[in-house]
C-alpha cells in the first residue's frame, strides 16, 4: 500500500487549528453589516414587522449551526453568549426568524476567482444521498414491506461538481432519488460560469443528453464518461466522416485499441475520485442527515453546507507526495 507525506505540514496544521475560530463565521465585515440596510429592507418590504437582520447575518448563523451540528435554538443561545462575552451590542434573531429567512436566502456558493494558471476548469461530477428522516435504509430494506419506495421517499440526492485542481465546490444541485445523475448534469452545468476544459463522470453519465450538454458549452470542453458495455449502453456510436468525431466515439476507438484501463489513465478518468472525496468530507463534517422539513429549507441547508466546506478549504489544503 502506498504511503504519502505532506510537504506543507506547518501551514496545513495551522489551517486545521483556524477551523475552530469563531472569526471564520463572524468576520468584522459581517458584524458591520449585521443589520439590514435600507435597500435590503425595501426589497423585502411587506406587511408586518420590518426586516432587522441582513442576509449575511442569517447566513453566518446558519453556517455556525451546520458546522457545530446544532439546532436553531441552540445556535441562537450560542450566538447570544458569544456576543455577551465579546461585548457586542448586536441583536440575535429568534429561531423562527432563522427558519423563515432560510427559505429565501440567495443560494450562491462562494468560490475563488480563477487565475490564468487555474483556468479552464476540469470539473468532476458525482452524487450522494442524504437522509431526511427514518432510522436508516438498512432497517427499511430488512423489515419494511415496500422498502425501495420508502428509501426513495426518505432520501434526497445531492449532485456536486468539483474543481479537480483545487477540490473546490463549483456546482451544486438537489433532487429526489428518482432523478438519476445523467438527467441532472445539464442543469448542473448551467450553474458553472467559469470556462471548462473537461467534464469527467462515471458510467451513470453515459447519456446522449450529457454529451450534448457538455458540447453546448461555448468553450467546447471534453466529456469523459466511460461507455457502457453491451445492452447497458445508453447511446450508440453515432459519429460519421462528414462531421468531427464525438467524444464518445473517440473513447470507444481508444478502448478498442489499448483497453479500458489504459484509456482511463490517458483520459484522466481516475481524477473523478476527487468528487467522491468531496462527498466523504461532506458526510464526515455534517453527517448524512438533513434537519429541515420543507424542500426549500432542505435546498438552503445543502448549499450552506457546501459554502462551509469551500470556506474551510480556503484556509489551507494538504500538499502530499507518494513515498
C-alpha atoms as a PDB file:
ATOM      1  CA  UNK A   1       0.000   0.000   0.000  1.00  0.00           C
ATOM      2  CA  UNK A   2       1.289   3.443  -0.948  1.00  0.00           C
ATOM      3  CA  UNK A   3       2.018   5.971   1.782  1.00  0.00           C
ATOM      4  CA  UNK A   4       2.045   9.756   1.479  1.00  0.00           C
ATOM      5  CA  UNK A   5       3.862  12.569   3.222  1.00  0.00           C
ATOM      6  CA  UNK A   6       2.970  16.237   3.437  1.00  0.00           C
ATOM      7  CA  UNK A   7       5.113  18.996   2.003  1.00  0.00           C
ATOM      8  CA  UNK A   8       3.323  21.799   3.884  1.00  0.00           C
ATOM      9  CA  UNK A   9       2.720  20.292   7.312  1.00  0.00           C
ATOM     10  CA  UNK A  10       3.152  23.568   9.339  1.00  0.00           C
ATOM     11  CA  UNK A  11       0.784  25.509   7.073  1.00  0.00           C
ATOM     12  CA  UNK A  12      -1.785  22.711   6.990  1.00  0.00           C
ATOM     13  CA  UNK A  13      -1.662  22.276  10.772  1.00  0.00           C
ATOM     14  CA  UNK A  14      -2.269  25.996  11.222  1.00  0.00           C
ATOM     15  CA  UNK A  15      -5.233  25.759   8.820  1.00  0.00           C
ATOM     16  CA  UNK A  16      -6.738  22.922  10.863  1.00  0.00           C
ATOM     17  CA  UNK A  17      -6.422  24.993  14.025  1.00  0.00           C
ATOM     18  CA  UNK A  18      -8.024  28.007  12.340  1.00  0.00           C
ATOM     19  CA  UNK A  19     -11.102  25.932  11.510  1.00  0.00           C
ATOM     20  CA  UNK A  20     -12.136  26.272  15.150  1.00  0.00           C
ATOM     21  CA  UNK A  21     -12.025  30.062  15.100  1.00  0.00           C
ATOM     22  CA  UNK A  22     -15.278  31.943  15.568  1.00  0.00           C
ATOM     23  CA  UNK A  23     -13.940  34.657  13.262  1.00  0.00           C
ATOM     24  CA  UNK A  24     -14.379  32.162  10.426  1.00  0.00           C
ATOM     25  CA  UNK A  25     -18.151  32.693  10.587  1.00  0.00           C
ATOM     26  CA  UNK A  26     -18.273  36.184  12.139  1.00  0.00           C
ATOM     27  CA  UNK A  27     -15.630  38.263  10.326  1.00  0.00           C
ATOM     28  CA  UNK A  28     -15.555  42.022  11.019  1.00  0.00           C
ATOM     29  CA  UNK A  29     -17.283  42.899   7.743  1.00  0.00           C
ATOM     30  CA  UNK A  30     -20.209  40.610   8.605  1.00  0.00           C
ATOM     31  CA  UNK A  31     -20.569  42.205  12.031  1.00  0.00           C
ATOM     32  CA  UNK A  32     -20.533  45.666  10.460  1.00  0.00           C
ATOM     33  CA  UNK A  33     -23.348  44.647   8.097  1.00  0.00           C
ATOM     34  CA  UNK A  34     -25.303  42.734  10.735  1.00  0.00           C
ATOM     35  CA  UNK A  35     -28.400  44.901  10.456  1.00  0.00           C
ATOM     36  CA  UNK A  36     -30.318  45.166   7.200  1.00  0.00           C
ATOM     37  CA  UNK A  37     -29.751  48.377   5.291  1.00  0.00           C
ATOM     38  CA  UNK A  38     -32.491  50.465   3.704  1.00  0.00           C
ATOM     39  CA  UNK A  39     -32.124  48.831   0.281  1.00  0.00           C
ATOM     40  CA  UNK A  40     -32.434  45.306   1.649  1.00  0.00           C
ATOM     41  CA  UNK A  41     -35.371  46.297   3.827  1.00  0.00           C
ATOM     42  CA  UNK A  42     -37.128  47.807   0.811  1.00  0.00           C
ATOM     43  CA  UNK A  43     -36.621  44.637  -1.241  1.00  0.00           C
ATOM     44  CA  UNK A  44     -38.264  42.560   1.487  1.00  0.00           C
ATOM     45  CA  UNK A  45     -40.932  45.123   2.268  1.00  0.00           C
ATOM     46  CA  UNK A  46     -44.322  43.662   3.138  1.00  0.00           C
ATOM     47  CA  UNK A  47     -46.935  43.861   5.829  1.00  0.00           C
ATOM     48  CA  UNK A  48     -45.740  43.117   9.337  1.00  0.00           C
ATOM     49  CA  UNK A  49     -42.553  43.712  11.211  1.00  0.00           C
ATOM     50  CA  UNK A  50     -39.764  45.355   9.158  1.00  0.00           C
ATOM     51  CA  UNK A  51     -36.598  43.474   8.277  1.00  0.00           C
ATOM     52  CA  UNK A  52     -33.978  43.787  11.014  1.00  0.00           C
ATOM     53  CA  UNK A  53     -31.192  41.358  10.060  1.00  0.00           C
ATOM     54  CA  UNK A  54     -29.209  41.234   6.834  1.00  0.00           C
ATOM     55  CA  UNK A  55     -28.829  38.142   4.690  1.00  0.00           C
ATOM     56  CA  UNK A  56     -25.171  37.932   5.729  1.00  0.00           C
ATOM     57  CA  UNK A  57     -26.144  37.744   9.400  1.00  0.00           C
ATOM     58  CA  UNK A  58     -28.673  34.966   8.797  1.00  0.00           C
ATOM     59  CA  UNK A  59     -26.210  33.059   6.611  1.00  0.00           C
ATOM     60  CA  UNK A  60     -23.451  33.341   9.233  1.00  0.00           C
ATOM     61  CA  UNK A  61     -25.708  31.911  11.944  1.00  0.00           C
ATOM     62  CA  UNK A  62     -26.882  29.065   9.711  1.00  0.00           C
ATOM     63  CA  UNK A  63     -23.266  28.229   8.818  1.00  0.00           C
ATOM     64  CA  UNK A  64     -22.425  28.104  12.520  1.00  0.00           C
ATOM     65  CA  UNK A  65     -25.426  25.839  13.100  1.00  0.00           C
ATOM     66  CA  UNK A  66     -24.397  23.287  10.477  1.00  0.00           C
ATOM     67  CA  UNK A  67     -20.704  23.428  11.329  1.00  0.00           C
ATOM     68  CA  UNK A  68     -21.367  22.710  15.012  1.00  0.00           C
ATOM     69  CA  UNK A  69     -24.271  20.298  14.298  1.00  0.00           C
ATOM     70  CA  UNK A  70     -26.705  22.201  16.473  1.00  0.00           C
ATOM     71  CA  UNK A  71     -30.383  23.053  16.258  1.00  0.00           C
ATOM     72  CA  UNK A  72     -31.731  26.500  15.557  1.00  0.00           C
ATOM     73  CA  UNK A  73     -32.487  27.182  19.235  1.00  0.00           C
ATOM     74  CA  UNK A  74     -29.012  26.092  20.339  1.00  0.00           C
ATOM     75  CA  UNK A  75     -27.464  28.304  17.656  1.00  0.00           C
ATOM     76  CA  UNK A  76     -29.368  31.327  18.959  1.00  0.00           C
ATOM     77  CA  UNK A  77     -28.203  30.607  22.507  1.00  0.00           C
ATOM     78  CA  UNK A  78     -24.580  30.216  21.418  1.00  0.00           C
ATOM     79  CA  UNK A  79     -24.645  33.469  19.436  1.00  0.00           C
ATOM     80  CA  UNK A  80     -26.129  35.400  22.352  1.00  0.00           C
ATOM     81  CA  UNK A  81     -23.484  34.092  24.733  1.00  0.00           C
ATOM     82  CA  UNK A  82     -20.681  34.920  22.282  1.00  0.00           C
ATOM     83  CA  UNK A  83     -21.905  38.469  21.757  1.00  0.00           C
ATOM     84  CA  UNK A  84     -22.256  38.896  25.512  1.00  0.00           C
ATOM     85  CA  UNK A  85     -18.695  37.731  26.188  1.00  0.00           C
ATOM     86  CA  UNK A  86     -17.309  39.888  23.361  1.00  0.00           C
ATOM     87  CA  UNK A  87     -19.411  42.885  24.498  1.00  0.00           C
ATOM     88  CA  UNK A  88     -21.064  43.301  21.116  1.00  0.00           C
ATOM     89  CA  UNK A  89     -24.283  45.277  21.120  1.00  0.00           C
ATOM     90  CA  UNK A  90     -25.874  43.221  18.363  1.00  0.00           C
ATOM     91  CA  UNK A  91     -29.312  41.585  18.432  1.00  0.00           C
ATOM     92  CA  UNK A  92     -29.713  37.881  17.716  1.00  0.00           C
ATOM     93  CA  UNK A  93     -32.693  36.701  15.636  1.00  0.00           C
ATOM     94  CA  UNK A  94     -35.280  34.290  17.010  1.00  0.00           C
ATOM     95  CA  UNK A  95     -35.049  30.707  15.831  1.00  0.00           C
ATOM     96  CA  UNK A  96     -38.315  31.105  13.896  1.00  0.00           C
ATOM     97  CA  UNK A  97     -36.766  34.028  12.032  1.00  0.00           C
ATOM     98  CA  UNK A  98     -33.825  31.851  11.009  1.00  0.00           C
ATOM     99  CA  UNK A  99     -36.170  29.087   9.826  1.00  0.00           C
ATOM    100  CA  UNK A 100     -38.261  31.545   7.808  1.00  0.00           C
ATOM    101  CA  UNK A 101     -35.382  33.502   6.278  1.00  0.00           C
ATOM    102  CA  UNK A 102     -33.504  30.314   5.364  1.00  0.00           C
ATOM    103  CA  UNK A 103     -36.038  29.560   2.628  1.00  0.00           C
ATOM    104  CA  UNK A 104     -35.463  32.876   0.834  1.00  0.00           C
ATOM    105  CA  UNK A 105     -31.691  33.313   1.037  1.00  0.00           C
ATOM    106  CA  UNK A 106     -29.853  33.735  -2.287  1.00  0.00           C
ATOM    107  CA  UNK A 107     -28.245  30.347  -2.961  1.00  0.00           C
ATOM    108  CA  UNK A 108     -24.790  31.443  -4.119  1.00  0.00           C
ATOM    109  CA  UNK A 109     -21.764  29.248  -3.440  1.00  0.00           C
ATOM    110  CA  UNK A 110     -18.663  31.312  -2.597  1.00  0.00           C
ATOM    111  CA  UNK A 111     -15.815  30.471  -4.972  1.00  0.00           C
ATOM    112  CA  UNK A 112     -12.415  31.973  -5.515  1.00  0.00           C
ATOM    113  CA  UNK A 113     -11.760  33.866  -8.761  1.00  0.00           C
ATOM    114  CA  UNK A 114      -9.813  31.947 -11.350  1.00  0.00           C
ATOM    115  CA  UNK A 115      -6.286  32.833 -12.325  1.00  0.00           C
ATOM    116  CA  UNK A 116      -4.584  32.162 -15.674  1.00  0.00           C
ATOM    117  CA  UNK A 117      -2.866  29.186 -14.024  1.00  0.00           C
ATOM    118  CA  UNK A 118      -6.126  27.603 -12.790  1.00  0.00           C
ATOM    119  CA  UNK A 119      -8.392  28.082 -15.798  1.00  0.00           C
ATOM    120  CA  UNK A 120     -10.073  26.475 -17.596  1.00  0.00           C
ATOM    121  CA  UNK A 121     -11.532  24.042 -15.091  1.00  0.00           C
ATOM    122  CA  UNK A 122     -11.529  20.271 -15.071  1.00  0.00           C
ATOM    123  CA  UNK A 123     -14.920  19.564 -13.481  1.00  0.00           C
ATOM    124  CA  UNK A 124     -15.533  16.170 -11.866  1.00  0.00           C
ATOM    125  CA  UNK A 125     -19.162  15.319 -11.094  1.00  0.00           C
ATOM    126  CA  UNK A 126     -20.824  12.815  -8.798  1.00  0.00           C
ATOM    127  CA  UNK A 127     -23.792  12.469  -6.445  1.00  0.00           C
ATOM    128  CA  UNK A 128     -24.555  11.153  -2.974  1.00  0.00           C
ATOM    129  CA  UNK A 129     -27.661  10.511  -0.910  1.00  0.00           C
ATOM    130  CA  UNK A 130     -28.620  12.333   2.288  1.00  0.00           C
ATOM    131  CA  UNK A 131     -31.274  11.089   4.683  1.00  0.00           C
ATOM    132  CA  UNK A 132     -34.307  13.142   5.654  1.00  0.00           C
ATOM    133  CA  UNK A 133     -35.931  11.029   8.333  1.00  0.00           C
ATOM    134  CA  UNK A 134     -36.290   7.414   9.438  1.00  0.00           C
ATOM    135  CA  UNK A 135     -33.931   5.002  11.146  1.00  0.00           C
ATOM    136  CA  UNK A 136     -31.855   4.116   8.111  1.00  0.00           C
ATOM    137  CA  UNK A 137     -32.095   2.377   4.764  1.00  0.00           C
ATOM    138  CA  UNK A 138     -30.881  -0.982   6.117  1.00  0.00           C
ATOM    139  CA  UNK A 139     -33.752  -1.237   8.605  1.00  0.00           C
ATOM    140  CA  UNK A 140     -36.295  -0.305   5.956  1.00  0.00           C
ATOM    141  CA  UNK A 141     -34.871  -2.820   3.496  1.00  0.00           C
ATOM    142  CA  UNK A 142     -34.733  -5.546   6.159  1.00  0.00           C
ATOM    143  CA  UNK A 143     -38.125  -5.064   7.795  1.00  0.00           C
ATOM    144  CA  UNK A 144     -40.175  -2.714   5.599  1.00  0.00           C
ATOM    145  CA  UNK A 145     -42.744  -4.083   3.156  1.00  0.00           C
ATOM    146  CA  UNK A 146     -42.087  -1.557   0.378  1.00  0.00           C
ATOM    147  CA  UNK A 147     -38.508  -0.784   1.306  1.00  0.00           C
ATOM    148  CA  UNK A 148     -37.457   0.721  -2.034  1.00  0.00           C
ATOM    149  CA  UNK A 149     -40.352   3.186  -2.112  1.00  0.00           C
ATOM    150  CA  UNK A 150     -39.705   4.225   1.498  1.00  0.00           C
ATOM    151  CA  UNK A 151     -35.964   4.599   0.852  1.00  0.00           C
ATOM    152  CA  UNK A 152     -36.556   6.854  -2.157  1.00  0.00           C
ATOM    153  CA  UNK A 153     -39.080   8.884  -0.205  1.00  0.00           C
ATOM    154  CA  UNK A 154     -36.871   9.464   2.842  1.00  0.00           C
ATOM    155  CA  UNK A 155     -33.707  10.488   0.952  1.00  0.00           C
ATOM    156  CA  UNK A 156     -32.519  13.283  -1.315  1.00  0.00           C
ATOM    157  CA  UNK A 157     -29.759  13.125  -3.898  1.00  0.00           C
ATOM    158  CA  UNK A 158     -27.074  15.830  -3.786  1.00  0.00           C
ATOM    159  CA  UNK A 159     -25.261  16.423  -7.098  1.00  0.00           C
ATOM    160  CA  UNK A 160     -21.852  18.087  -6.923  1.00  0.00           C
ATOM    161  CA  UNK A 161     -19.342  19.438  -9.415  1.00  0.00           C
ATOM    162  CA  UNK A 162     -15.814  19.814  -8.004  1.00  0.00           C
ATOM    163  CA  UNK A 163     -12.747  21.534  -9.387  1.00  0.00           C
ATOM    164  CA  UNK A 164     -10.177  18.808  -9.995  1.00  0.00           C
ATOM    165  CA  UNK A 165      -7.201  21.082  -9.326  1.00  0.00           C
ATOM    166  CA  UNK A 166      -8.289  22.604  -6.007  1.00  0.00           C
ATOM    167  CA  UNK A 167     -11.103  20.381  -4.678  1.00  0.00           C
ATOM    168  CA  UNK A 168     -13.398  23.424  -4.509  1.00  0.00           C
ATOM    169  CA  UNK A 169     -17.146  23.014  -4.976  1.00  0.00           C
ATOM    170  CA  UNK A 170     -18.223  24.728  -8.201  1.00  0.00           C
ATOM    171  CA  UNK A 171     -21.698  23.345  -8.921  1.00  0.00           C
ATOM    172  CA  UNK A 172     -24.431  22.029  -6.659  1.00  0.00           C
ATOM    173  CA  UNK A 173     -27.882  20.554  -7.205  1.00  0.00           C
ATOM    174  CA  UNK A 174     -30.537  18.728  -5.196  1.00  0.00           C
ATOM    175  CA  UNK A 175     -33.141  16.281  -6.453  1.00  0.00           C
ATOM    176  CA  UNK A 176     -35.231  13.357  -5.324  1.00  0.00           C
ATOM    177  CA  UNK A 177     -33.811   9.853  -5.508  1.00  0.00           C
ATOM    178  CA  UNK A 178     -35.858   9.139  -8.640  1.00  0.00           C
ATOM    179  CA  UNK A 179     -33.712  11.626 -10.633  1.00  0.00           C
ATOM    180  CA  UNK A 180     -30.589   9.895 -11.915  1.00  0.00           C
ATOM    181  CA  UNK A 181     -27.182  11.514 -12.296  1.00  0.00           C
ATOM    182  CA  UNK A 182     -27.319  11.833 -16.071  1.00  0.00           C
ATOM    183  CA  UNK A 183     -30.638  13.684 -16.004  1.00  0.00           C
ATOM    184  CA  UNK A 184     -29.239  16.283 -13.587  1.00  0.00           C
ATOM    185  CA  UNK A 185     -25.984  17.066 -15.395  1.00  0.00           C
ATOM    186  CA  UNK A 186     -27.381  19.651 -17.895  1.00  0.00           C
ATOM    187  CA  UNK A 187     -28.872  21.723 -15.065  1.00  0.00           C
ATOM    188  CA  UNK A 188     -25.658  21.334 -13.082  1.00  0.00           C
ATOM    189  CA  UNK A 189     -23.515  22.697 -15.924  1.00  0.00           C
ATOM    190  CA  UNK A 190     -25.772  25.732 -16.324  1.00  0.00           C
ATOM    191  CA  UNK A 191     -24.705  26.949 -12.877  1.00  0.00           C
ATOM    192  CA  UNK A 192     -20.984  26.930 -13.799  1.00  0.00           C
ATOM    193  CA  UNK A 193     -19.943  30.272 -15.278  1.00  0.00           C
ATOM    194  CA  UNK A 194     -16.209  29.549 -15.402  1.00  0.00           C
ATOM    195  CA  UNK A 195     -14.731  28.117 -18.618  1.00  0.00           C
ATOM    196  CA  UNK A 196     -14.386  24.341 -18.668  1.00  0.00           C
ATOM    197  CA  UNK A 197     -11.699  22.190 -20.242  1.00  0.00           C
ATOM    198  CA  UNK A 198     -13.096  18.766 -19.311  1.00  0.00           C
ATOM    199  CA  UNK A 199     -16.088  17.231 -17.549  1.00  0.00           C
ATOM    200  CA  UNK A 200     -15.499  13.800 -16.009  1.00  0.00           C
ATOM    201  CA  UNK A 201     -18.062  11.447 -14.503  1.00  0.00           C
ATOM    202  CA  UNK A 202     -18.756   7.752 -14.034  1.00  0.00           C
ATOM    203  CA  UNK A 203     -20.868   5.478 -16.226  1.00  0.00           C
ATOM    204  CA  UNK A 204     -24.119   6.959 -14.917  1.00  0.00           C
ATOM    205  CA  UNK A 205     -23.481   9.991 -17.162  1.00  0.00           C
ATOM    206  CA  UNK A 206     -23.203   7.926 -20.362  1.00  0.00           C
ATOM    207  CA  UNK A 207     -26.270   9.562 -21.889  1.00  0.00           C
ATOM    208  CA  UNK A 208     -26.775  11.465 -25.090  1.00  0.00           C
ATOM    209  CA  UNK A 209     -28.162  14.441 -23.171  1.00  0.00           C
ATOM    210  CA  UNK A 210     -24.979  14.609 -21.074  1.00  0.00           C
ATOM    211  CA  UNK A 211     -22.715  14.682 -24.121  1.00  0.00           C
ATOM    212  CA  UNK A 212     -24.973  17.282 -25.730  1.00  0.00           C
ATOM    213  CA  UNK A 213     -24.918  19.473 -22.602  1.00  0.00           C
ATOM    214  CA  UNK A 214     -21.111  19.398 -22.492  1.00  0.00           C
ATOM    215  CA  UNK A 215     -20.822  20.063 -26.242  1.00  0.00           C
ATOM    216  CA  UNK A 216     -23.218  23.028 -25.954  1.00  0.00           C
ATOM    217  CA  UNK A 217     -20.731  24.970 -23.828  1.00  0.00           C
ATOM    218  CA  UNK A 218     -19.133  27.831 -25.804  1.00  0.00           C
ATOM    219  CA  UNK A 219     -15.598  26.684 -24.931  1.00  0.00           C
ATOM    220  CA  UNK A 220     -16.346  23.113 -26.178  1.00  0.00           C
ATOM    221  CA  UNK A 221     -14.906  21.097 -23.268  1.00  0.00           C
ATOM    222  CA  UNK A 222     -14.157  17.402 -23.439  1.00  0.00           C
ATOM    223  CA  UNK A 223     -16.645  14.911 -21.998  1.00  0.00           C
ATOM    224  CA  UNK A 224     -15.069  11.858 -20.326  1.00  0.00           C
ATOM    225  CA  UNK A 225     -17.706   9.298 -19.357  1.00  0.00           C
ATOM    226  CA  UNK A 226     -16.855   5.573 -19.618  1.00  0.00           C
ATOM    227  CA  UNK A 227     -19.021   3.961 -22.342  1.00  0.00           C
ATOM    228  CA  UNK A 228     -21.317   1.240 -21.123  1.00  0.00           C
ATOM    229  CA  UNK A 229     -20.809  -2.287 -22.391  1.00  0.00           C
ATOM    230  CA  UNK A 230     -23.340  -4.234 -24.479  1.00  0.00           C
ATOM    231  CA  UNK A 231     -27.003  -3.829 -23.657  1.00  0.00           C
ATOM    232  CA  UNK A 232     -26.277  -1.484 -20.788  1.00  0.00           C
ATOM    233  CA  UNK A 233     -25.098   1.199 -23.221  1.00  0.00           C
ATOM    234  CA  UNK A 234     -27.238   4.314 -23.004  1.00  0.00           C
ATOM    235  CA  UNK A 235     -26.492   5.521 -26.541  1.00  0.00           C
ATOM    236  CA  UNK A 236     -24.888   4.097 -29.640  1.00  0.00           C
ATOM    237  CA  UNK A 237     -21.858   5.264 -31.521  1.00  0.00           C
ATOM    238  CA  UNK A 238     -23.188   7.900 -33.912  1.00  0.00           C
ATOM    239  CA  UNK A 239     -20.241   9.734 -35.466  1.00  0.00           C
ATOM    240  CA  UNK A 240     -19.608   9.945 -39.237  1.00  0.00           C
ATOM    241  CA  UNK A 241     -16.924  11.105 -41.644  1.00  0.00           C
ATOM    242  CA  UNK A 242     -18.635  14.377 -42.570  1.00  0.00           C
ATOM    243  CA  UNK A 243     -18.555  15.774 -39.031  1.00  0.00           C
ATOM    244  CA  UNK A 244     -15.870  15.975 -36.339  1.00  0.00           C
ATOM    245  CA  UNK A 245     -15.651  12.839 -34.185  1.00  0.00           C
ATOM    246  CA  UNK A 246     -17.661  12.894 -30.995  1.00  0.00           C
ATOM    247  CA  UNK A 247     -16.034  12.403 -27.605  1.00  0.00           C
ATOM    248  CA  UNK A 248     -17.764   9.098 -27.047  1.00  0.00           C
ATOM    249  CA  UNK A 249     -16.644   7.804 -30.451  1.00  0.00           C
ATOM    250  CA  UNK A 250     -13.031   8.629 -29.622  1.00  0.00           C
ATOM    251  CA  UNK A 251     -13.358   6.871 -26.259  1.00  0.00           C
ATOM    252  CA  UNK A 252     -14.703   3.706 -27.891  1.00  0.00           C
ATOM    253  CA  UNK A 253     -11.940   3.664 -30.519  1.00  0.00           C
ATOM    254  CA  UNK A 254      -9.280   4.246 -27.881  1.00  0.00           C
ATOM    255  CA  UNK A 255     -10.658   1.456 -25.690  1.00  0.00           C
ATOM    256  CA  UNK A 256     -10.659  -0.949 -28.623  1.00  0.00           C
ATOM    257  CA  UNK A 257      -7.003  -0.167 -29.344  1.00  0.00           C
ATOM    258  CA  UNK A 258      -5.426  -0.186 -25.885  1.00  0.00           C
ATOM    259  CA  UNK A 259      -8.076  -1.424 -23.442  1.00  0.00           C
ATOM    260  CA  UNK A 260     -10.245   0.237 -20.836  1.00  0.00           C
ATOM    261  CA  UNK A 261      -7.560   0.509 -18.142  1.00  0.00           C
ATOM    262  CA  UNK A 262      -5.098   2.369 -20.371  1.00  0.00           C
ATOM    263  CA  UNK A 263      -7.888   4.601 -21.667  1.00  0.00           C
ATOM    264  CA  UNK A 264      -8.809   5.661 -18.129  1.00  0.00           C
ATOM    265  CA  UNK A 265      -5.206   6.560 -17.443  1.00  0.00           C
ATOM    266  CA  UNK A 266      -4.819   8.536 -20.666  1.00  0.00           C
ATOM    267  CA  UNK A 267      -8.162  10.373 -20.303  1.00  0.00           C
ATOM    268  CA  UNK A 268      -7.597  11.351 -16.667  1.00  0.00           C
ATOM    269  CA  UNK A 269     -10.666   9.426 -15.588  1.00  0.00           C
ATOM    270  CA  UNK A 270      -9.160   8.496 -12.218  1.00  0.00           C
ATOM    271  CA  UNK A 271      -9.312  12.158 -11.142  1.00  0.00           C
ATOM    272  CA  UNK A 272     -13.060  11.612 -10.805  1.00  0.00           C
ATOM    273  CA  UNK A 273     -12.367  10.137  -7.369  1.00  0.00           C
ATOM    274  CA  UNK A 274     -11.935  13.694  -6.081  1.00  0.00           C
ATOM    275  CA  UNK A 275     -15.713  14.106  -6.290  1.00  0.00           C
ATOM    276  CA  UNK A 276     -16.108  11.034  -4.083  1.00  0.00           C
ATOM    277  CA  UNK A 277     -13.529  12.535  -1.719  1.00  0.00           C
ATOM    278  CA  UNK A 278     -15.643  15.675  -1.528  1.00  0.00           C
ATOM    279  CA  UNK A 279     -18.725  13.586  -0.664  1.00  0.00           C
ATOM    280  CA  UNK A 280     -16.703  11.843   2.036  1.00  0.00           C
ATOM    281  CA  UNK A 281     -15.647  15.214   3.503  1.00  0.00           C
ATOM    282  CA  UNK A 282     -19.297  16.303   3.412  1.00  0.00           C
ATOM    283  CA  UNK A 283     -20.577  13.364   5.444  1.00  0.00           C
ATOM    284  CA  UNK A 284     -17.663  13.313   7.881  1.00  0.00           C
ATOM    285  CA  UNK A 285     -18.214  17.010   8.611  1.00  0.00           C
ATOM    286  CA  UNK A 286     -22.033  17.204   8.684  1.00  0.00           C
ATOM    287  CA  UNK A 287     -23.261  13.613   8.802  1.00  0.00           C
ATOM    288  CA  UNK A 288     -25.645  12.013   6.317  1.00  0.00           C
ATOM    289  CA  UNK A 289     -28.885  13.673   7.512  1.00  0.00           C
ATOM    290  CA  UNK A 290     -30.738  16.911   6.863  1.00  0.00           C
ATOM    291  CA  UNK A 291     -32.715  18.601   9.623  1.00  0.00           C
ATOM    292  CA  UNK A 292     -35.021  20.811   7.518  1.00  0.00           C
ATOM    293  CA  UNK A 293     -38.538  19.655   6.702  1.00  0.00           C
ATOM    294  CA  UNK A 294     -39.539  21.508   3.523  1.00  0.00           C
ATOM    295  CA  UNK A 295     -37.738  21.195   0.202  1.00  0.00           C
ATOM    296  CA  UNK A 296     -36.865  24.912   0.077  1.00  0.00           C
ATOM    297  CA  UNK A 297     -35.246  24.713   3.508  1.00  0.00           C
ATOM    298  CA  UNK A 298     -33.504  21.455   2.611  1.00  0.00           C
ATOM    299  CA  UNK A 299     -32.014  23.056  -0.511  1.00  0.00           C
ATOM    300  CA  UNK A 300     -30.826  26.011   1.586  1.00  0.00           C
ATOM    301  CA  UNK A 301     -29.276  23.660   4.130  1.00  0.00           C
ATOM    302  CA  UNK A 302     -27.406  21.814   1.371  1.00  0.00           C
ATOM    303  CA  UNK A 303     -25.874  24.905  -0.232  1.00  0.00           C
ATOM    304  CA  UNK A 304     -24.953  26.368   3.167  1.00  0.00           C
ATOM    305  CA  UNK A 305     -23.012  23.192   3.923  1.00  0.00           C
ATOM    306  CA  UNK A 306     -21.294  23.442   0.548  1.00  0.00           C
ATOM    307  CA  UNK A 307     -20.363  27.058   1.311  1.00  0.00           C
ATOM    308  CA  UNK A 308     -18.879  25.991   4.658  1.00  0.00           C
ATOM    309  CA  UNK A 309     -16.736  23.313   3.002  1.00  0.00           C
ATOM    310  CA  UNK A 310     -15.395  25.841   0.494  1.00  0.00           C
ATOM    311  CA  UNK A 311     -14.588  28.278   3.271  1.00  0.00           C
ATOM    312  CA  UNK A 312     -12.734  25.569   5.205  1.00  0.00           C
ATOM    313  CA  UNK A 313     -10.800  24.644   2.064  1.00  0.00           C
ATOM    314  CA  UNK A 314      -9.631  28.232   1.604  1.00  0.00           C
ATOM    315  CA  UNK A 315      -7.801  28.092   4.920  1.00  0.00           C
ATOM    316  CA  UNK A 316      -5.374  25.533   3.550  1.00  0.00           C
ATOM    317  CA  UNK A 317      -5.205  22.121   1.925  1.00  0.00           C
ATOM    318  CA  UNK A 318      -2.559  19.376   2.194  1.00  0.00           C
ATOM    319  CA  UNK A 319       0.140  19.083  -0.459  1.00  0.00           C
ATOM    320  CA  UNK A 320       1.277  15.455  -0.387  1.00  0.00           C
ATOM    321  CA  UNK A 321       3.586  13.219  -2.354  1.00  0.00           C
ATOM    322  CA  UNK A 322       3.905   9.449  -2.604  1.00  0.00           C
ATOM    323  CA  UNK A 323       6.761   7.855  -0.675  1.00  0.00           C
END
